[in-house]
Amino acid sequence: MHLEIVMGQSLREAMLERKKSPGVCPYLTHHSPKARKRSQLDAKLHWNAVTADYLTKSFARAWNDSHA
């Protein structure tokens, strides 16, 4: 699928920097888990890909930690 997005300069630079960095995941947003559980692997298209709720949960965790 082709998706065309109009982006600002800072996002464009971040995207281009990500494309240059070596990685084992074809996805822009990815995470290398400490442990790989079968249920987590089955929920993703690639073992380094993030699940749909990963960023939401991570943000909520960081938010809660910042108010401790």
C-alpha atoms as a PDB file:
ATOM      1  CA  MET A   1       0.000   0.000   0.000  1.00  0.00           C
ATOM      2  CA  HIS A   2       1.263   3.493  -0.752  1.00  0.00           C
ATOM      3  CA  LEU A   3       0.529   6.175   1.806  1.00  0.00           C
ATOM      4  CA  GLU A   4       1.366   9.791   1.079  1.00  0.00           C
ATOM      5  CA  ILE A   5       1.804  12.000   4.118  1.00  0.00           C
ATOM      6  CA  VAL A   6       2.688  15.681   4.188  1.00  0.00           C
ATOM      7  CA  MET A   7       5.299  16.143   6.903  1.00  0.00           C
ATOM      8  CA  GLY A   8       7.306  18.917   8.454  1.00  0.00           C
ATOM      9  CA  GLN A   9      11.082  19.178   8.193  1.00  0.00           C
ATOM     10  CA  SER A  10      11.825  17.674  11.634  1.00  0.00           C
ATOM     11  CA  LEU A  11       9.690  14.593  10.971  1.00  0.00           C
ATOM     12  CA  ARG A  12      11.243  14.224   7.517  1.00  0.00           C
ATOM     13  CA  GLU A  13      14.738  14.361   9.031  1.00  0.00           C
ATOM     14  CA  ALA A  14      13.791  11.772  11.657  1.00  0.00           C
ATOM     15  CA  MET A  15      12.392   9.459   8.977  1.00  0.00           C
ATOM     16  CA  LEU A  16      15.497   9.801   6.804  1.00  0.00           C
ATOM     17  CA  GLU A  17      17.780   9.206   9.803  1.00  0.00           C
ATOM     18  CA  ARG A  18      15.841   6.058  10.695  1.00  0.00           C
ATOM     19  CA  LYS A  19      16.181   4.753   7.148  1.00  0.00           C
ATOM     20  CA  LYS A  20      19.975   5.137   7.392  1.00  0.00           C
ATOM     21  CA  SER A  21      20.359   3.328  10.714  1.00  0.00           C
ATOM     22  CA  PRO A  22      21.086  -0.385  10.539  1.00  0.00           C
ATOM     23  CA  GLY A  23      18.314  -2.532  11.871  1.00  0.00           C
ATOM     24  CA  VAL A  24      16.753  -5.893  11.565  1.00  0.00           C
ATOM     25  CA  CYS A  25      13.190  -4.610  11.356  1.00  0.00           C
ATOM     26  CA  PRO A  26      11.603  -3.227   8.209  1.00  0.00           C
ATOM     27  CA  TYR A  27       9.197  -1.062  10.233  1.00  0.00           C
ATOM     28  CA  LEU A  28       9.890   2.563  11.187  1.00  0.00           C
ATOM     29  CA  THR A  29       8.652   2.059  14.737  1.00  0.00           C
ATOM     30  CA  HIS A  30      10.139  -1.038  16.295  1.00  0.00           C
ATOM     31  CA  HIS A  31      11.396  -2.455  19.570  1.00  0.00           C
ATOM     32  CA  SER A  32      13.818  -5.236  20.466  1.00  0.00           C
ATOM     33  CA  PRO A  33      12.149  -7.142  23.291  1.00  0.00           C
ATOM     34  CA  LYS A  34      14.230  -8.497  26.188  1.00  0.00           C
ATOM     35  CA  ALA A  35      12.350 -11.776  25.993  1.00  0.00           C
ATOM     36  CA  ARG A  36      10.289 -13.205  23.165  1.00  0.00           C
ATOM     37  CA  LYS A  37       7.053 -14.897  24.141  1.00  0.00           C
ATOM     38  CA  ARG A  38       5.158 -16.945  21.565  1.00  0.00           C
ATOM     39  CA  SER A  39       1.926 -14.986  22.174  1.00  0.00           C
ATOM     40  CA  GLN A  40       3.738 -11.697  21.532  1.00  0.00           C
ATOM     41  CA  LEU A  41       5.424 -13.009  18.389  1.00  0.00           C
ATOM     42  CA  ASP A  42       2.129 -14.285  17.018  1.00  0.00           C
ATOM     43  CA  ALA A  43       0.522 -10.859  17.531  1.00  0.00           C
ATOM     44  CA  LYS A  44       3.037  -9.103  15.257  1.00  0.00           C
ATOM     45  CA  LEU A  45       4.031  -9.140  11.595  1.00  0.00           C
ATOM     46  CA  HIS A  46       7.749  -9.093  12.510  1.00  0.00           C
ATOM     47  CA  TRP A  47       9.461 -10.035  15.792  1.00  0.00           C
ATOM     48  CA  ASN A  48      10.772  -6.453  16.214  1.00  0.00           C
ATOM     49  CA  ALA A  49       7.527  -4.742  15.217  1.00  0.00           C
ATOM     50  CA  VAL A  50       5.459  -3.095  17.907  1.00  0.00           C
ATOM     51  CA  THR A  51       1.885  -4.048  18.650  1.00  0.00           C
ATOM     52  CA  ALA A  52      -0.890  -1.557  18.015  1.00  0.00           C
ATOM     53  CA  ASP A  53      -1.085  -0.583  21.700  1.00  0.00           C
ATOM     54  CA  TYR A  54       2.673  -0.528  22.450  1.00  0.00           C
ATOM     55  CA  LEU A  55       3.146   3.245  22.126  1.00  0.00           C
ATOM     56  CA  THR A  56      -0.029   3.970  24.097  1.00  0.00           C
ATOM     57  CA  LYS A  57       1.021   1.672  26.948  1.00  0.00           C
ATOM     58  CA  SER A  58       4.598   2.986  26.936  1.00  0.00           C
ATOM     59  CA  PHE A  59       3.402   6.599  27.043  1.00  0.00           C
ATOM     60  CA  ALA A  60       0.995   5.820  29.886  1.00  0.00           C
ATOM     61  CA  ARG A  61       3.789   4.071  31.828  1.00  0.00           C
ATOM     62  CA  ALA A  62       6.151   7.033  31.328  1.00  0.00           C
ATOM     63  CA  TRP A  63       3.405   9.473  32.324  1.00  0.00           C
ATOM     64  CA  ASN A  64       2.652   7.548  35.504  1.00  0.00           C
ATOM     65  CA  ASP A  65       6.345   7.250  36.367  1.00  0.00           C
ATOM     66  CA  SER A  66       6.860  10.984  35.944  1.00  0.00           C
ATOM     67  CA  HIS A  67       4.205  11.746  38.555  1.00  0.00           C
ATOM     68  CA  ALA A  68       5.549   9.374  41.215  1.00  0.00           C
END
